[in-house]
């Protein structure tokens, strides 16, 4: 069911969803800090919303990436990780199935308040050779990670929805 407007994600993260997003029940734990959303279908685009990843939590619970034959490896957030280390964690997760992740930039960004960061990346998916562009936004507050990560094919879908995702990132706040 398409959804837009202001939504509370988890205990503290509030986002203003721009566009008609569909939440995907990805088979993760009910109390997971991750929600997966899409505009075009998960084979095309994915918005990963992390609403409070604590020390030792895996960032890949319920993520729809890789092949079913790839071994499930858990990529765990650790309190004290700097933005570059958080980006490296996402790079390892997205590249776990042999996909090629290339970081393009990591820069300051006011995500959910001051002290956040934005990262841009490209991904060549191993399973189908698709070239994806991605952008992520994150902030660590009291040792807890809040993040928004969006990826889609770079030639059509990413540019079409990038503005919506940027607007959503700018709307993010913690309650």
Foldseek 3Di string as FASTA:
>chain_A
DWDAAWDDQADWKIWGQDAGKDWDPQPFDPNAQWTWIDDPDVVFKIKIWGHWAAAFRFPCGSPPAADPPQDDDGQGDHFPDDPVRVVVSVQCVRCSRPKHKDWDDKAFDQFQHGDKIKTKIWIQGPVPRAIKIKMKIWHADPRIITMIIMMGRDPPDCVVCVVSVVNRRVRMHTD
